[in-house]
Each structure stands twice: as structure tokens, then as C-alpha cells.
Amino acid sequence: MRLYCSPTSPYSRKVRVALLEQGIGESVELVMTDPFDPPPELLAANPMSKIPTLVTDRGEALPDSNLILEYLQARHGGLAPLPRGRRRWAALRLQRIAEGVIDAAVATVYERRRPESIVYIPFLDRQALAIRRAIELLELENGALSRDEVGVLEITAAVALSYLDFRLPYVEWRHTGVALGEWHAQFAQRPSMIETAPPTG
């Protein structure tokens, strides 16, 4: 399998963490890619030029991190399954909230890279409020995040919080996410998180 990814993309990191947690990291070739200057191979696999994109051993191209995670779990297992019954929907809800933190943080990064004269401040304010509300909810329901098992919910939440530290440290999410911060500090010590940490400097 071949994974087109970026060392700084949180969407890529979700997949890379999952691969390591599943114990199949060595079976996937990582192709570090700039989606803004895409190689022909990425465009052939994903005309949207988005990362991550996984090309399976059958030549199938999967162009979305959540789709990739679903595929990897179905084919290889290794991650904790979602709970059953009503708890399943609660876990999926929290996963989507954590994904929303990533979306809002990435949107903020892209907006701030525009020339200062055309940065749209109301848009940045909206993303900041969305992140703040999401952190408050994740803090309130942090008990749903396992300290012993690793599933898609835990990976998504950990990568989201780490991305805030990496790109938006001024958010200081631990001020309102005390228990969340304790959970993240423990999860961040997993070898899969250490190995996939984005470059600094």
C-alpha cells in the first residue's frame, strides 16, 4: 500500500497513528507530498489533490482520512471497536466534534496565510469560538476517551489537540480542558504519537 501524506497534516497523522497502532506501518509506503504542488501520481489517485490518499494493494484509491481508517479497520483490525447500542452514537458524536476541531484549526491556518490585507477576521473569530465550544464539550465528556484502548475516537481527539498545540498554541485549550489535558498528556506518550509528531522549527 502507498499513502500520500504530509508530516504536518493532522488528517495524515490520524492515518499514520492508526497504521502504527494496528501494527501494519511497515506494510505501507509513505510518500510525503505537497498537495499544493502535487505529483502526477497523486492526481491520478485523487483528482482533488488532497491528502491523505491511500492506494491499496489492489490499486484502489481512497481519498479521505475517515474512509481510509474505516478501510484499514475492516481489512486489518487492531483498533478498539466502537461501543454498541446508544454508546456507539455518543462515541461517533464525539469523534465528529474532535474532527471539527481539526477542520476549524486547519481553516484558521489557511486563512492566516493569506495576505494580511484580505484576512477575514470574522471568519477567524468564528473558528476560534467553534474550537472553544468543542473543547468545552470534549472536557465535559472526556470520560468517553479510553486510557487503555485505542480507537478512532481516541486517535482523532489526540491528533486534534496536538494540532492545536502545533499550529495554534495561543488557543491555550488546557485552561478549560483540564481533564482533557491530562488524558492527552498520557496518550501523547504512545510510540505512535511520538513517531508521527510534526517537525519543529
Protein backbone atom coordinates (compact mmCIF):
# COMPACT_ATOMS: atom_id res chain seq x y z
CA MET A 1 0.00 0.00 0.00
CA ARG A 2 1.07 3.59 -0.59
CA LEU A 3 -0.02 6.58 1.50
CA TYR A 4 0.31 10.07 0.09
CA CYS A 5 0.60 12.27 3.15
CA SER A 6 2.28 15.25 4.77
CA PRO A 7 4.30 15.38 8.00
CA THR A 8 2.29 18.40 9.21
CA SER A 9 -1.23 17.41 8.12
CA PRO A 10 -3.45 16.32 11.03
CA TYR A 11 -5.59 14.28 8.62
CA SER A 12 -2.47 12.42 7.51
CA ARG A 13 -1.36 11.97 11.09
CA LYS A 14 -4.64 10.28 12.02
CA VAL A 15 -3.96 7.60 9.44
CA ARG A 16 -0.28 7.26 10.31
CA VAL A 17 -1.10 6.81 14.01
CA ALA A 18 -3.71 4.20 13.14
CA LEU A 19 -1.25 2.27 10.97
CA LEU A 20 1.24 2.09 13.83
CA GLU A 21 -1.40 1.16 16.38
CA GLN A 22 -2.57 -1.61 14.05
CA GLY A 23 0.96 -2.87 13.66
CA ILE A 24 0.96 -2.54 9.87
CA GLY A 25 3.07 0.59 9.46
CA GLU A 26 5.86 -1.30 7.71
CA SER A 27 3.47 -2.56 5.01
CA VAL A 28 2.64 0.96 3.83
CA GLU A 29 4.98 3.19 1.82
CA LEU A 30 4.73 6.80 2.98
CA VAL A 31 5.00 9.31 0.16
CA MET A 32 5.44 12.77 1.65
CA THR A 33 3.59 15.10 -0.67
CA ASP A 34 2.78 18.77 -1.06
CA PRO A 35 -0.86 18.87 -2.22
CA PHE A 36 -0.31 22.42 -3.50
CA ASP A 37 2.39 21.09 -5.83
CA PRO A 38 1.09 17.59 -6.42
CA PRO A 39 2.97 14.91 -8.30
CA PRO A 40 1.13 13.24 -11.19
CA GLU A 41 0.80 10.06 -9.15
CA LEU A 42 -1.31 11.82 -6.52
CA LEU A 43 -3.53 13.44 -9.14
CA ALA A 44 -4.04 10.08 -10.79
CA ALA A 45 -5.15 8.61 -7.47
CA ASN A 46 -7.09 11.64 -6.27
CA PRO A 47 -8.02 14.38 -8.78
CA MET A 48 -8.92 16.64 -5.83
CA SER A 49 -5.22 16.69 -4.86
CA LYS A 50 -5.97 16.13 -1.20
CA ILE A 51 -4.06 14.23 1.43
CA PRO A 52 -4.06 11.71 2.81
CA THR A 53 -4.81 9.43 -0.09
CA LEU A 54 -4.24 5.70 0.27
CA VAL A 55 -3.61 3.46 -2.72
CA THR A 56 -4.41 -0.06 -1.56
CA ASP A 57 -2.57 -3.21 -2.54
CA ARG A 58 -5.42 -3.77 -5.01
CA GLY A 59 -4.84 -0.41 -6.66
CA GLU A 60 -7.91 1.23 -5.15
CA ALA A 61 -7.51 4.91 -4.25
CA LEU A 62 -9.13 6.09 -1.03
CA PRO A 63 -9.16 9.91 -0.84
CA ASP A 64 -10.24 10.72 2.74
CA SER A 65 -8.81 10.04 6.19
CA ASN A 66 -12.04 8.70 7.66
CA LEU A 67 -12.59 6.45 4.66
CA ILE A 68 -9.02 5.20 4.96
CA LEU A 69 -9.44 4.46 8.67
CA GLU A 70 -12.66 2.56 8.01
CA TYR A 71 -10.96 0.53 5.29
CA LEU A 72 -7.90 -0.27 7.39
CA GLN A 73 -10.02 -1.39 10.33
CA ALA A 74 -12.20 -3.57 8.09
CA ARG A 75 -9.17 -5.18 6.43
CA HIS A 76 -6.71 -5.42 9.29
CA GLY A 77 -8.43 -4.70 12.60
CA GLY A 78 -6.22 -3.80 15.54
CA LEU A 79 -8.14 -0.76 16.76
CA ALA A 80 -10.71 -0.84 19.52
CA PRO A 81 -14.20 -1.13 18.01
CA LEU A 82 -16.84 1.46 18.70
CA PRO A 83 -19.18 0.60 21.56
CA ARG A 84 -22.55 -0.91 20.79
CA GLY A 85 -26.05 0.48 21.17
CA ARG A 86 -26.60 4.03 22.36
CA ARG A 87 -22.97 4.44 23.38
CA ARG A 88 -21.96 3.97 19.74
CA TRP A 89 -23.77 7.14 18.68
CA ALA A 90 -22.31 9.07 21.60
CA ALA A 91 -18.80 7.98 20.57
CA LEU A 92 -19.43 8.87 16.92
CA ARG A 93 -20.74 12.26 18.01
CA LEU A 94 -17.57 12.99 19.99
CA GLN A 95 -15.43 11.78 17.11
CA ARG A 96 -17.15 14.24 14.78
CA ILE A 97 -16.68 17.04 17.31
CA ALA A 98 -12.95 16.26 17.53
CA GLU A 99 -12.81 16.17 13.73
CA GLY A 100 -14.48 19.57 13.76
CA VAL A 101 -11.63 20.92 15.89
CA ILE A 102 -9.19 19.78 13.21
CA ASP A 103 -11.32 21.33 10.47
CA ALA A 104 -11.59 24.67 12.28
CA ALA A 105 -7.87 24.74 13.13
CA VAL A 106 -6.82 23.93 9.56
CA ALA A 107 -9.20 26.58 8.20
CA THR A 108 -7.67 29.09 10.60
CA VAL A 109 -4.14 28.24 9.47
CA TYR A 110 -5.05 28.67 5.81
CA GLU A 111 -6.86 31.95 6.41
CA ARG A 112 -3.95 33.39 8.37
CA ARG A 113 -1.61 32.58 5.48
CA ARG A 114 -3.46 34.97 3.20
CA PRO A 115 -2.08 38.49 2.75
CA GLU A 116 -2.88 40.46 5.89
CA SER A 117 -4.98 42.96 3.96
CA ILE A 118 -7.51 40.30 2.94
CA VAL A 119 -7.59 38.11 6.05
CA TYR A 120 -11.24 37.89 7.09
CA ILE A 121 -11.25 38.43 10.86
CA PRO A 122 -14.93 37.43 11.42
CA PHE A 123 -14.11 34.07 9.86
CA LEU A 124 -11.18 33.59 12.26
CA ASP A 125 -13.37 34.59 15.20
CA ARG A 126 -15.98 32.04 14.19
CA GLN A 127 -13.39 29.26 14.03
CA ALA A 128 -11.97 30.26 17.42
CA LEU A 129 -15.41 30.13 19.02
CA ALA A 130 -16.12 26.76 17.43
CA ILE A 131 -12.87 25.35 18.81
CA ARG A 132 -13.60 26.77 22.26
CA ARG A 133 -17.09 25.24 22.35
CA ALA A 134 -15.78 21.90 21.11
CA ILE A 135 -13.09 21.81 23.81
CA GLU A 136 -15.71 22.54 26.46
CA LEU A 137 -17.81 19.62 25.21
CA LEU A 138 -14.87 17.24 24.99
CA GLU A 139 -13.87 18.25 28.52
CA LEU A 140 -17.39 17.60 29.77
CA GLU A 141 -17.48 14.15 28.17
CA ASN A 142 -13.81 13.23 28.48
CA GLY A 143 -14.76 10.05 30.30
CA ALA A 144 -15.66 8.55 26.93
CA LEU A 145 -11.99 8.72 25.91
CA SER A 146 -10.33 5.46 26.84
CA ARG A 147 -6.99 5.43 28.64
CA ASP A 148 -6.41 1.76 27.88
CA GLU A 149 -7.76 1.09 24.40
CA VAL A 150 -7.10 2.95 21.15
CA GLY A 151 -9.90 3.51 18.67
CA VAL A 152 -10.70 6.06 16.01
CA LEU A 153 -12.26 8.37 18.63
CA GLU A 154 -9.10 8.45 20.73
CA ILE A 155 -6.85 8.93 17.69
CA THR A 156 -8.97 11.77 16.32
CA ALA A 157 -9.17 13.57 19.66
CA ALA A 158 -5.45 13.22 20.38
CA VAL A 159 -4.42 14.42 16.92
CA ALA A 160 -6.84 17.36 17.13
CA LEU A 161 -5.44 18.53 20.45
CA SER A 162 -1.86 18.03 19.30
CA TYR A 163 -2.55 20.08 16.18
CA LEU A 164 -3.80 22.95 18.33
CA ASP A 165 -0.51 22.81 20.23
CA PHE A 166 1.42 22.71 16.96
CA ARG A 167 -0.32 25.41 14.94
CA LEU A 168 -2.49 27.42 17.37
CA PRO A 169 -0.72 27.38 20.75
CA TYR A 170 -2.30 30.72 21.63
CA VAL A 171 -5.64 28.93 21.99
CA GLU A 172 -4.40 27.53 25.34
CA TRP A 173 -7.12 24.90 25.35
CA ARG A 174 -5.92 23.34 28.61
CA HIS A 175 -7.32 26.30 30.56
CA THR A 176 -10.82 24.95 30.02
CA GLY A 177 -9.83 21.36 29.26
CA VAL A 178 -8.07 20.30 32.44
CA ALA A 179 -9.12 16.64 32.47
CA LEU A 180 -8.80 16.58 28.69
CA GLY A 181 -5.23 17.81 29.05
CA GLU A 182 -4.41 15.01 31.48
CA TRP A 183 -5.82 12.43 29.08
CA HIS A 184 -3.92 13.95 26.16
CA ALA A 185 -0.63 14.05 28.08
CA GLN A 186 -0.87 10.30 28.63
CA PHE A 187 -1.97 9.47 25.09
CA ALA A 188 0.73 11.69 23.56
CA GLN A 189 3.39 9.40 25.06
CA ARG A 190 2.32 6.48 22.91
CA PRO A 191 5.02 5.48 20.41
CA SER A 192 2.59 6.06 17.54
CA MET A 193 2.14 9.69 18.56
CA ILE A 194 5.84 10.28 19.17
CA GLU A 195 6.83 8.78 15.82
CA THR A 196 4.28 10.86 13.89
CA ALA A 197 4.93 14.17 15.63
CA PRO A 198 5.30 17.01 13.10
CA PRO A 199 8.73 18.56 12.63
CA THR A 200 9.55 21.59 14.77
CA GLY A 201 11.48 24.68 13.88
